N, C-alpha and C. Protein backbone atom coordinates (compact mmCIF):
# COMPACT_ATOMS: atom_id res chain seq x y z
N UNK A 1 -11.68 5.21 12.85
CA UNK A 1 -10.45 5.64 12.81
C UNK A 1 -9.17 4.51 12.47
N UNK A 2 -8.05 4.72 11.74
CA UNK A 2 -7.53 3.72 11.21
C UNK A 2 -6.47 3.39 12.41
N UNK A 3 -6.42 2.14 12.45
CA UNK A 3 -5.43 1.36 13.34
C UNK A 3 -3.95 1.80 13.14
N UNK A 4 -3.17 1.75 14.32
CA UNK A 4 -1.81 2.24 14.01
C UNK A 4 -1.08 1.46 12.87
N UNK A 5 -1.49 -0.03 12.79
CA UNK A 5 -0.80 -0.42 11.98
C UNK A 5 -1.16 -0.21 10.46
N UNK A 6 -2.29 0.17 10.25
CA UNK A 6 -2.83 0.81 8.96
C UNK A 6 -2.27 2.10 8.56
N UNK A 7 -2.07 2.98 9.56
CA UNK A 7 -1.44 4.33 9.30
C UNK A 7 0.00 3.93 8.96
N UNK A 8 0.62 3.31 9.72
CA UNK A 8 2.26 2.98 9.33
C UNK A 8 2.37 2.39 7.93
N UNK A 9 1.39 1.58 7.37
CA UNK A 9 1.26 1.08 6.18
C UNK A 9 1.01 1.99 5.11
N UNK A 10 0.15 3.00 5.43
CA UNK A 10 -0.18 4.11 4.41
C UNK A 10 1.13 5.19 4.35
N UNK A 11 1.81 5.34 5.68
CA UNK A 11 3.01 6.16 5.40
C UNK A 11 4.12 5.44 4.82
N UNK A 12 4.35 4.13 4.89
CA UNK A 12 5.41 3.11 4.11
C UNK A 12 4.93 3.45 2.46
N UNK A 13 3.95 3.26 2.24
CA UNK A 13 3.30 3.32 0.67
C UNK A 13 3.61 4.71 0.26
N UNK A 14 3.32 5.84 1.05
CA UNK A 14 3.87 7.16 0.59
C UNK A 14 5.10 7.40 0.47
N UNK A 15 5.88 6.96 1.39
CA UNK A 15 7.46 7.26 1.16
C UNK A 15 7.97 6.24 0.16
N UNK A 16 7.52 5.17 -0.22
CA UNK A 16 8.02 4.47 -1.37
C UNK A 16 7.77 5.04 -2.72
N UNK A 17 6.47 5.45 -2.78
CA UNK A 17 5.94 6.04 -3.81
C UNK A 17 6.57 7.43 -4.20
N UNK A 18 6.89 8.34 -3.00
CA UNK A 18 7.53 9.48 -3.35
C UNK A 18 9.08 9.32 -3.71
N UNK A 19 9.66 8.20 -3.02
CA UNK A 19 11.06 7.90 -3.67
C UNK A 19 11.22 7.64 -4.93
N UNK A 20 10.26 6.75 -5.39
CA UNK A 20 10.31 6.22 -6.90
C UNK A 20 9.67 7.19 -7.79
N UNK A 21 8.74 8.15 -7.35
CA UNK A 21 7.92 9.01 -8.17
C UNK A 21 7.45 8.06 -9.25
N UNK A 22 6.79 6.83 -8.90
CA UNK A 22 6.24 5.93 -9.64
C UNK A 22 5.43 5.19 -8.93
N UNK A 23 3.98 4.92 -9.21
CA UNK A 23 3.31 4.12 -8.36
C UNK A 23 3.61 2.52 -8.93
N UNK A 24 3.99 2.48 -10.05
CA UNK A 24 4.40 1.03 -10.77
C UNK A 24 5.64 0.60 -10.10
N UNK A 25 6.66 1.49 -9.98
CA UNK A 25 7.97 0.85 -9.29
C UNK A 25 7.53 0.90 -7.66
N UNK A 26 6.94 1.79 -7.24
CA UNK A 26 6.61 1.47 -5.73
C UNK A 26 5.95 0.01 -5.57
N UNK A 27 4.82 -0.12 -6.12
CA UNK A 27 4.34 -1.41 -6.15
C UNK A 27 5.13 -2.54 -6.11
N UNK A 28 5.97 -2.55 -7.34
CA UNK A 28 7.03 -3.58 -7.54
C UNK A 28 7.80 -3.84 -6.25
N UNK A 29 8.24 -2.60 -5.61
CA UNK A 29 9.23 -2.93 -4.68
C UNK A 29 8.50 -3.23 -3.35
N UNK A 30 7.11 -3.16 -3.18
CA UNK A 30 6.27 -3.58 -2.06
C UNK A 30 5.51 -4.99 -2.33
N UNK A 31 6.01 -5.51 -3.64
CA UNK A 31 5.35 -6.89 -4.13
C UNK A 31 3.75 -6.69 -3.97
N UNK A 32 3.49 -5.57 -4.79
CA UNK A 32 2.05 -5.38 -5.04
C UNK A 32 1.71 -5.19 -6.26
N UNK A 33 0.60 -5.68 -6.78
CA UNK A 33 0.04 -5.55 -8.30
C UNK A 33 -0.39 -3.90 -8.24
N UNK A 34 0.29 -3.12 -9.33
CA UNK A 34 -0.28 -1.68 -9.33
C UNK A 34 -1.68 -1.34 -9.21
N UNK A 35 -2.56 -2.21 -10.20
CA UNK A 35 -3.88 -1.92 -10.09
C UNK A 35 -4.77 -2.29 -9.39
N UNK A 36 -4.56 -3.35 -8.56
CA UNK A 36 -5.36 -3.82 -7.76
C UNK A 36 -5.26 -3.51 -6.37
N UNK A 37 -3.68 -3.28 -6.00
CA UNK A 37 -3.37 -2.74 -4.55
C UNK A 37 -3.42 -4.12 -3.68
N UNK A 38 -3.39 -5.19 -4.35
CA UNK A 38 -3.35 -6.62 -3.58
C UNK A 38 -1.94 -7.00 -3.80
N UNK A 39 -1.45 -8.10 -2.84
CA UNK A 39 -0.25 -8.68 -2.75
C UNK A 39 -0.21 -9.52 -4.09
N UNK A 40 0.89 -9.40 -5.06
CA UNK A 40 1.08 -10.23 -6.17
C UNK A 40 1.45 -11.95 -5.69
N UNK A 41 1.66 -12.08 -4.44
CA UNK A 41 2.04 -13.30 -3.79
C UNK A 41 0.87 -13.73 -2.94
N UNK A 42 0.30 -14.61 -2.98
CA UNK A 42 -1.00 -15.01 -2.06
C UNK A 42 -0.52 -15.05 -0.72
N UNK A 43 0.84 -15.71 -0.67
CA UNK A 43 1.34 -16.08 0.69
C UNK A 43 1.84 -14.92 1.48
N UNK A 44 1.54 -13.71 0.85
CA UNK A 44 1.84 -12.57 1.58
C UNK A 44 1.04 -12.12 2.63
N UNK A 45 -0.06 -12.39 2.76
CA UNK A 45 -0.89 -12.35 3.93
C UNK A 45 -1.58 -10.86 3.52
N UNK A 46 -2.15 -10.43 4.73
CA UNK A 46 -2.78 -9.22 4.89
C UNK A 46 -1.68 -7.91 5.20
N UNK A 47 -0.49 -8.29 5.29
CA UNK A 47 0.38 -7.34 5.60
C UNK A 47 0.75 -6.28 4.81
N UNK A 48 0.64 -6.56 3.46
CA UNK A 48 0.79 -5.49 2.47
C UNK A 48 -0.51 -4.95 1.97
N UNK A 49 -1.77 -5.22 2.50
CA UNK A 49 -2.82 -4.50 2.10
C UNK A 49 -2.86 -3.21 2.51
N UNK A 50 -3.37 -2.27 1.61
CA UNK A 50 -3.32 -0.68 2.04
C UNK A 50 -4.80 -0.29 1.84
N UNK A 51 -5.04 0.67 2.65
CA UNK A 51 -6.51 1.41 2.81
C UNK A 51 -6.32 2.51 1.86
N UNK A 52 -7.42 2.99 1.55
CA UNK A 52 -7.42 4.31 0.92
C UNK A 52 -7.19 5.36 1.78
N UNK A 53 -6.45 6.44 1.12
CA UNK A 53 -6.03 7.50 1.93
C UNK A 53 -7.28 8.21 2.67
N UNK A 54 -8.27 8.22 1.64
CA UNK A 54 -9.31 8.90 1.93
C UNK A 54 -10.51 8.14 1.93
N UNK A 55 -11.05 7.32 3.12
CA UNK A 55 -12.14 6.51 3.17
C UNK A 55 -13.43 7.20 2.37
N UNK A 56 -14.22 6.27 1.72
CA UNK A 56 -15.29 7.13 1.33
C UNK A 56 -16.58 7.19 2.21
N UNK A 57 -16.27 6.61 3.39
CA UNK A 57 -17.47 6.66 4.42
C UNK A 57 -17.05 8.07 5.19
N UNK A 58 -16.06 8.64 5.22
CA UNK A 58 -15.73 9.78 5.75
C UNK A 58 -16.46 11.04 5.34
């Protein structure tokens, strides 16, 4: 089960992506690199990491 913090991160990602209608623009707003889903700023830490919506082990 996803932790509450992970669920909130997923919802935030969905909201930003829906607002921009663009993964690239959403990633830019959230300081992520679009391809990797990792923070573009190494100092950002784990707060911006996003788990897959549909985990492979489910």
